Amino acid sequence: MKVLICGGAGYIGSHMAQYLAEAGHSVTVLDNLSTGHRDAVRWGELLEADLLDPEALERALHGRQFDAVMHFAARSLVGESVADPYAYYANNVTGTLNLLAAMRRHNIDRIVFSSTAAVFGNPQSDAIDEDHPKAPINPYGASKLMAERILADAATAYGLRSTCLLLQCRRRPARPRHRRGPCLRNPPDPQCPACRIGHRQRHEGVRR
C-alpha cells in the first residue's frame, strides 16, 4: 500500500513509518516540523506542509497517489489546550477537516485517525473500553471528539472508511534501528484523567 503519514516526523508517527516500511509498504511523511524532527523521517519522503494551509496541502498531494492516510498530526498537551483552546480547535479540528477535504479531492477514502483516551473525560472505571461514555473535560479531548464526529458524518455522506485509535500517553522504548527514544511526557500530564489512571495502573501492576 501507499500510505501518507501526517505527523510522521513525531514519535508515534515515525515509529509507524518504520513499521509500515519494514512490512513492505510505501511510506510518505507529511509534517510541518513544528514539533516533529527532520532526522526522524528515515522511512520515506518528507513533504513539508501544514494542515492549516490548504494550498500547501494541495501542493503536497498534487500528482501523488495514496491508498490510505494515517493522521497523527495534532496538538496533544492537555494543560496547553486549556490555556490556548483556539490553537487546539484550529489544529485538531480545522486541520483535520482540511485534510479530509483534500483526501476527497484526491480520491483517498481510507484514514486511520489518532484519537485519545481524553475523549472519555473522568474515567468511571479502571478498565476503559469503547462503550465508556465520552465526555471530555478539556479542549484537547473535545477537539479529538469533534474530529471523530466529522469522520462519522463523512462516512455517511461520502463513504469515507475510518478507524480511530484511542491512544494513551504511555512511555515505551523505541523500535530497533529507530533513533528517537521514548516520549518524554513521563510522568503523564497531571491534568489528563486517562493519563493519571494509566500511570496508577503501571505502578500498581495492573494489566490491561
C-alpha atoms as a PDB file:
ATOM      1  CA  MET A   1       0.000   0.000   0.000  1.00  0.00           C
ATOM      2  CA  LYS A   2       0.972   3.627  -0.484  1.00  0.00           C
ATOM      3  CA  VAL A   3       0.413   5.355   2.853  1.00  0.00           C
ATOM      4  CA  LEU A   4       0.628   9.048   3.720  1.00  0.00           C
ATOM      5  CA  ILE A   5       1.527   9.581   7.388  1.00  0.00           C
ATOM      6  CA  CYS A   6       0.565  13.035   8.639  1.00  0.00           C
ATOM      7  CA  GLY A   7       2.698  13.876  11.636  1.00  0.00           C
ATOM      8  CA  GLY A   8       5.190  11.229  10.609  1.00  0.00           C
ATOM      9  CA  ALA A   9       8.154  13.188  11.965  1.00  0.00           C
ATOM     10  CA  GLY A  10       6.869  12.837  15.528  1.00  0.00           C
ATOM     11  CA  TYR A  11       7.439   9.998  17.974  1.00  0.00           C
ATOM     12  CA  ILE A  12       4.407   7.822  17.193  1.00  0.00           C
ATOM     13  CA  GLY A  13       4.240   8.752  13.517  1.00  0.00           C
ATOM     14  CA  SER A  14       7.903   7.984  12.848  1.00  0.00           C
ATOM     15  CA  HIS A  15       7.585   4.584  14.516  1.00  0.00           C
ATOM     16  CA  MET A  16       4.547   3.834  12.353  1.00  0.00           C
ATOM     17  CA  ALA A  17       6.536   4.885   9.275  1.00  0.00           C
ATOM     18  CA  GLN A  18       9.283   2.444  10.237  1.00  0.00           C
ATOM     19  CA  TYR A  19       6.794  -0.346  10.918  1.00  0.00           C
ATOM     20  CA  LEU A  20       4.989   0.082   7.599  1.00  0.00           C
ATOM     21  CA  ALA A  21       8.198   0.418   5.570  1.00  0.00           C
ATOM     22  CA  GLU A  22       9.655  -2.715   7.123  1.00  0.00           C
ATOM     23  CA  ALA A  23       6.393  -4.515   6.285  1.00  0.00           C
ATOM     24  CA  GLY A  24       6.869  -3.630   2.614  1.00  0.00           C
ATOM     25  CA  HIS A  25       4.557  -0.641   2.260  1.00  0.00           C
ATOM     26  CA  SER A  26       5.418   2.621   0.509  1.00  0.00           C
ATOM     27  CA  VAL A  27       5.519   5.454   3.056  1.00  0.00           C
ATOM     28  CA  THR A  28       5.380   9.231   2.604  1.00  0.00           C
ATOM     29  CA  VAL A  29       5.522  11.605   5.571  1.00  0.00           C
ATOM     30  CA  LEU A  30       3.716  14.944   5.718  1.00  0.00           C
ATOM     31  CA  ASP A  31       4.751  17.182   8.610  1.00  0.00           C
ATOM     32  CA  ASN A  32       5.165  20.892   9.345  1.00  0.00           C
ATOM     33  CA  LEU A  33       8.081  20.070  11.714  1.00  0.00           C
ATOM     34  CA  SER A  34       6.671  22.324  14.438  1.00  0.00           C
ATOM     35  CA  THR A  35       7.175  19.568  16.995  1.00  0.00           C
ATOM     36  CA  GLY A  36       8.478  16.779  14.751  1.00  0.00           C
ATOM     37  CA  HIS A  37      12.086  16.129  13.826  1.00  0.00           C
ATOM     38  CA  ARG A  38      13.506  16.055  10.319  1.00  0.00           C
ATOM     39  CA  ASP A  39      16.030  13.367  11.279  1.00  0.00           C
ATOM     40  CA  ALA A  40      13.177  11.091  12.400  1.00  0.00           C
ATOM     41  CA  VAL A  41      11.999  10.787   8.784  1.00  0.00           C
ATOM     42  CA  ARG A  42      14.149   7.856   7.692  1.00  0.00           C
ATOM     43  CA  TRP A  43      11.469   5.760   6.011  1.00  0.00           C
ATOM     44  CA  GLY A  44      10.008   7.535   3.007  1.00  0.00           C
ATOM     45  CA  GLU A  45       9.897  11.015   1.509  1.00  0.00           C
ATOM     46  CA  LEU A  46       9.217  14.082   3.659  1.00  0.00           C
ATOM     47  CA  LEU A  47       6.615  16.579   2.428  1.00  0.00           C
ATOM     48  CA  GLU A  48       6.721  19.785   4.452  1.00  0.00           C
ATOM     49  CA  ALA A  49       3.200  21.176   4.724  1.00  0.00           C
ATOM     50  CA  ASP A  50       0.817  22.415   7.386  1.00  0.00           C
ATOM     51  CA  LEU A  51      -2.739  21.085   7.611  1.00  0.00           C
ATOM     52  CA  LEU A  52      -3.873  24.635   8.362  1.00  0.00           C
ATOM     53  CA  ASP A  53      -2.601  25.752   4.934  1.00  0.00           C
ATOM     54  CA  PRO A  54      -4.951  24.194   2.349  1.00  0.00           C
ATOM     55  CA  GLU A  55      -2.854  25.438  -0.567  1.00  0.00           C
ATOM     56  CA  ALA A  56       0.335  23.859   0.809  1.00  0.00           C
ATOM     57  CA  LEU A  57      -1.585  20.652   1.461  1.00  0.00           C
ATOM     58  CA  GLU A  58      -2.892  20.659  -2.099  1.00  0.00           C
ATOM     59  CA  ARG A  59       0.615  21.173  -3.496  1.00  0.00           C
ATOM     60  CA  ALA A  60       1.904  18.289  -1.402  1.00  0.00           C
ATOM     61  CA  LEU A  61      -0.765  15.883  -2.666  1.00  0.00           C
ATOM     62  CA  HIS A  62      -0.748  17.014  -6.298  1.00  0.00           C
ATOM     63  CA  GLY A  63       0.482  14.311  -8.657  1.00  0.00           C
ATOM     64  CA  ARG A  64       0.752  11.679  -5.938  1.00  0.00           C
ATOM     65  CA  GLN A  65      -1.449   8.677  -5.256  1.00  0.00           C
ATOM     66  CA  PHE A  66      -2.150   7.196  -1.842  1.00  0.00           C
ATOM     67  CA  ASP A  67      -4.240   4.239  -0.756  1.00  0.00           C
ATOM     68  CA  ALA A  68      -4.683   5.479   2.797  1.00  0.00           C
ATOM     69  CA  VAL A  69      -3.790   8.244   5.243  1.00  0.00           C
ATOM     70  CA  MET A  70      -2.688   7.916   8.858  1.00  0.00           C
ATOM     71  CA  HIS A  71      -3.309  11.112  10.827  1.00  0.00           C
ATOM     72  CA  PHE A  72      -1.031  11.744  13.832  1.00  0.00           C
ATOM     73  CA  ALA A  73      -0.619  15.499  13.291  1.00  0.00           C
ATOM     74  CA  ALA A  74      -2.168  17.118  16.347  1.00  0.00           C
ATOM     75  CA  ARG A  75      -1.537  19.306  19.336  1.00  0.00           C
ATOM     76  CA  SER A  76      -1.699  16.957  22.301  1.00  0.00           C
ATOM     77  CA  LEU A  77      -0.975  18.624  25.655  1.00  0.00           C
ATOM     78  CA  VAL A  78      -3.966  18.886  27.963  1.00  0.00           C
ATOM     79  CA  GLY A  79      -2.692  21.821  30.023  1.00  0.00           C
ATOM     80  CA  GLU A  80      -1.720  23.777  26.935  1.00  0.00           C
ATOM     81  CA  SER A  81      -5.163  23.161  25.432  1.00  0.00           C
ATOM     82  CA  VAL A  82      -6.807  24.755  28.483  1.00  0.00           C
ATOM     83  CA  ALA A  83      -4.521  27.789  28.223  1.00  0.00           C
ATOM     84  CA  ASP A  84      -4.891  28.156  24.437  1.00  0.00           C
ATOM     85  CA  PRO A  85      -8.055  26.377  23.242  1.00  0.00           C
ATOM     86  CA  TYR A  86      -8.285  28.277  19.938  1.00  0.00           C
ATOM     87  CA  ALA A  87      -4.966  26.772  18.819  1.00  0.00           C
ATOM     88  CA  TYR A  88      -6.210  23.273  19.619  1.00  0.00           C
ATOM     89  CA  TYR A  89      -9.531  23.623  17.848  1.00  0.00           C
ATOM     90  CA  ALA A  90      -7.765  25.145  14.850  1.00  0.00           C
ATOM     91  CA  ASN A  91      -5.112  22.440  14.557  1.00  0.00           C
ATOM     92  CA  ASN A  92      -7.072  19.371  15.632  1.00  0.00           C
ATOM     93  CA  VAL A  93     -10.463  20.207  14.122  1.00  0.00           C
ATOM     94  CA  THR A  94      -9.891  22.631  11.254  1.00  0.00           C
ATOM     95  CA  GLY A  95      -6.640  20.891  10.290  1.00  0.00           C
ATOM     96  CA  THR A  96      -8.388  17.529  10.203  1.00  0.00           C
ATOM     97  CA  LEU A  97     -11.230  18.966   8.133  1.00  0.00           C
ATOM     98  CA  ASN A  98      -8.729  20.430   5.653  1.00  0.00           C
ATOM     99  CA  LEU A  99      -7.037  17.047   5.374  1.00  0.00           C
ATOM    100  CA  LEU A 100     -10.316  15.210   4.813  1.00  0.00           C
ATOM    101  CA  ALA A 101     -11.387  17.700   2.134  1.00  0.00           C
ATOM    102  CA  ALA A 102      -8.057  17.251   0.350  1.00  0.00           C
ATOM    103  CA  MET A 103      -8.394  13.468   0.593  1.00  0.00           C
ATOM    104  CA  ARG A 104     -11.810  13.643  -1.027  1.00  0.00           C
ATOM    105  CA  ARG A 105     -10.485  15.787  -3.870  1.00  0.00           C
ATOM    106  CA  HIS A 106      -7.734  13.228  -4.463  1.00  0.00           C
ATOM    107  CA  ASN A 107      -9.992  10.165  -4.150  1.00  0.00           C
ATOM    108  CA  ILE A 108      -8.421   8.809  -0.944  1.00  0.00           C
ATOM    109  CA  ASP A 109     -11.167   7.079   1.033  1.00  0.00           C
ATOM    110  CA  ARG A 110      -9.343   5.417   3.949  1.00  0.00           C
ATOM    111  CA  ILE A 111      -7.932   7.049   7.067  1.00  0.00           C
ATOM    112  CA  VAL A 112      -6.579   5.927  10.426  1.00  0.00           C
ATOM    113  CA  PHE A 113      -7.132   8.727  12.944  1.00  0.00           C
ATOM    114  CA  SER A 114      -5.085   9.043  16.105  1.00  0.00           C
ATOM    115  CA  SER A 115      -7.592   9.973  18.787  1.00  0.00           C
ATOM    116  CA  THR A 116      -7.100   9.885  22.546  1.00  0.00           C
ATOM    117  CA  ALA A 117      -8.412   8.407  25.785  1.00  0.00           C
ATOM    118  CA  ALA A 118      -9.071  12.032  26.794  1.00  0.00           C
ATOM    119  CA  VAL A 119     -12.367  11.831  24.852  1.00  0.00           C
ATOM    120  CA  PHE A 120     -13.751   9.842  27.805  1.00  0.00           C
ATOM    121  CA  GLY A 121     -13.192  12.553  30.403  1.00  0.00           C
ATOM    122  CA  ASN A 122     -13.145  11.389  34.021  1.00  0.00           C
ATOM    123  CA  PRO A 123     -12.931   7.577  33.971  1.00  0.00           C
ATOM    124  CA  GLN A 124     -15.862   5.772  35.578  1.00  0.00           C
ATOM    125  CA  SER A 125     -13.815   2.573  35.995  1.00  0.00           C
ATOM    126  CA  ASP A 126     -10.184   1.450  35.881  1.00  0.00           C
ATOM    127  CA  ALA A 127     -10.690  -0.502  32.645  1.00  0.00           C
ATOM    128  CA  ILE A 128     -11.896   1.851  29.911  1.00  0.00           C
ATOM    129  CA  ASP A 129     -13.440   0.292  26.803  1.00  0.00           C
ATOM    130  CA  GLU A 130     -15.141   1.831  23.787  1.00  0.00           C
ATOM    131  CA  ASP A 131     -18.552   1.703  25.491  1.00  0.00           C
ATOM    132  CA  HIS A 132     -17.388   4.127  28.172  1.00  0.00           C
ATOM    133  CA  PRO A 133     -19.307   7.436  27.960  1.00  0.00           C
ATOM    134  CA  LYS A 134     -17.481  10.150  26.037  1.00  0.00           C
ATOM    135  CA  ALA A 135     -17.491  13.392  27.996  1.00  0.00           C
ATOM    136  CA  PRO A 136     -14.176  15.238  27.528  1.00  0.00           C
ATOM    137  CA  ILE A 137     -13.292  17.770  30.219  1.00  0.00           C
ATOM    138  CA  ASN A 138     -10.653  19.775  28.347  1.00  0.00           C
ATOM    139  CA  PRO A 139     -10.260  21.322  24.880  1.00  0.00           C
ATOM    140  CA  TYR A 140      -7.773  18.651  23.773  1.00  0.00           C
ATOM    141  CA  GLY A 141     -10.216  15.804  24.363  1.00  0.00           C
ATOM    142  CA  ALA A 142     -13.093  17.860  22.973  1.00  0.00           C
ATOM    143  CA  SER A 143     -11.179  18.645  19.783  1.00  0.00           C
ATOM    144  CA  LYS A 144     -10.472  14.963  19.194  1.00  0.00           C
ATOM    145  CA  LEU A 145     -14.098  14.022  19.804  1.00  0.00           C
ATOM    146  CA  MET A 146     -15.190  16.688  17.315  1.00  0.00           C
ATOM    147  CA  ALA A 147     -12.852  15.161  14.736  1.00  0.00           C
ATOM    148  CA  GLU A 148     -14.323  11.714  15.442  1.00  0.00           C
ATOM    149  CA  ARG A 149     -17.786  13.111  14.758  1.00  0.00           C
ATOM    150  CA  ILE A 150     -16.593  14.615  11.475  1.00  0.00           C
ATOM    151  CA  LEU A 151     -15.267  11.196  10.458  1.00  0.00           C
ATOM    152  CA  ALA A 152     -18.621   9.578  11.259  1.00  0.00           C
ATOM    153  CA  ASP A 153     -20.504  12.176   9.217  1.00  0.00           C
ATOM    154  CA  ALA A 154     -18.044  11.781   6.325  1.00  0.00           C
ATOM    155  CA  ALA A 155     -18.651   8.024   6.352  1.00  0.00           C
ATOM    156  CA  THR A 156     -22.387   8.615   5.951  1.00  0.00           C
ATOM    157  CA  ALA A 157     -22.084  11.355   3.334  1.00  0.00           C
ATOM    158  CA  TYR A 158     -19.066  10.304   1.299  1.00  0.00           C
ATOM    159  CA  GLY A 159     -18.362   6.657   2.127  1.00  0.00           C
ATOM    160  CA  LEU A 160     -15.116   7.501   3.955  1.00  0.00           C
ATOM    161  CA  ARG A 161     -13.686   4.488   5.761  1.00  0.00           C
ATOM    162  CA  SER A 162     -12.015   5.398   9.026  1.00  0.00           C
ATOM    163  CA  THR A 163     -10.556   3.803  12.129  1.00  0.00           C
ATOM    164  CA  CYS A 164      -9.902   5.735  15.345  1.00  0.00           C
ATOM    165  CA  LEU A 165      -7.000   4.777  17.579  1.00  0.00           C
ATOM    166  CA  LEU A 166      -7.647   5.675  21.220  1.00  0.00           C
ATOM    167  CA  LEU A 167      -4.121   6.362  22.411  1.00  0.00           C
ATOM    168  CA  GLN A 168      -2.927   6.903  25.958  1.00  0.00           C
ATOM    169  CA  CYS A 169       0.319   8.664  26.887  1.00  0.00           C
ATOM    170  CA  ARG A 170       2.407   5.686  27.978  1.00  0.00           C
ATOM    171  CA  ARG A 171       6.174   5.524  27.799  1.00  0.00           C
ATOM    172  CA  ARG A 172       7.581   2.811  25.560  1.00  0.00           C
ATOM    173  CA  PRO A 173      11.096   2.087  24.274  1.00  0.00           C
ATOM    174  CA  ALA A 174      11.954   2.856  20.676  1.00  0.00           C
ATOM    175  CA  ARG A 175      11.802   0.177  17.998  1.00  0.00           C
ATOM    176  CA  PRO A 176      15.117  -1.361  16.926  1.00  0.00           C
ATOM    177  CA  ARG A 177      17.016   0.843  14.423  1.00  0.00           C
ATOM    178  CA  HIS A 178      14.935   3.848  15.485  1.00  0.00           C
ATOM    179  CA  ARG A 179      16.956   6.801  16.748  1.00  0.00           C
ATOM    180  CA  ARG A 180      14.101   8.533  18.543  1.00  0.00           C
ATOM    181  CA  GLY A 181      13.745   7.497  22.176  1.00  0.00           C
ATOM    182  CA  PRO A 182      10.555   7.283  24.185  1.00  0.00           C
ATOM    183  CA  CYS A 183       8.078  10.079  24.599  1.00  0.00           C
ATOM    184  CA  LEU A 184       9.300  12.497  27.248  1.00  0.00           C
ATOM    185  CA  ARG A 185       5.826  13.035  28.705  1.00  0.00           C
ATOM    186  CA  ASN A 186       6.589  10.983  31.821  1.00  0.00           C
ATOM    187  CA  PRO A 187       5.228  11.345  34.414  1.00  0.00           C
ATOM    188  CA  PRO A 188       1.998  11.873  32.484  1.00  0.00           C
ATOM    189  CA  ASP A 189       0.180  15.160  32.217  1.00  0.00           C
ATOM    190  CA  PRO A 190      -1.453  15.644  35.661  1.00  0.00           C
ATOM    191  CA  GLN A 191      -4.438  17.349  34.028  1.00  0.00           C
ATOM    192  CA  CYS A 192      -5.270  14.269  31.932  1.00  0.00           C
ATOM    193  CA  PRO A 193      -7.501  11.804  33.871  1.00  0.00           C
ATOM    194  CA  ALA A 194      -6.781   8.946  31.461  1.00  0.00           C
ATOM    195  CA  CYS A 195      -3.038   9.545  31.896  1.00  0.00           C
ATOM    196  CA  ARG A 196      -3.384   9.545  35.680  1.00  0.00           C
ATOM    197  CA  ILE A 197      -5.272   6.264  35.715  1.00  0.00           C
ATOM    198  CA  GLY A 198      -2.788   4.660  33.306  1.00  0.00           C
ATOM    199  CA  HIS A 199       0.117   5.865  35.470  1.00  0.00           C
ATOM    200  CA  ARG A 200      -1.516   4.403  38.596  1.00  0.00           C
ATOM    201  CA  GLN A 201      -2.116   1.078  36.857  1.00  0.00           C
ATOM    202  CA  ARG A 202       1.515   0.796  35.837  1.00  0.00           C
ATOM    203  CA  HIS A 203       2.750   1.403  39.363  1.00  0.00           C
ATOM    204  CA  GLU A 204       0.177  -0.938  40.918  1.00  0.00           C
ATOM    205  CA  GLY A 205       0.976  -3.678  38.407  1.00  0.00           C
ATOM    206  CA  VAL A 206      -2.448  -3.732  36.811  1.00  0.00           C
ATOM    207  CA  ARG A 207      -2.530  -5.453  33.421  1.00  0.00           C
ATOM    208  CA  ARG A 208      -4.970  -4.391  30.754  1.00  0.00           C
END
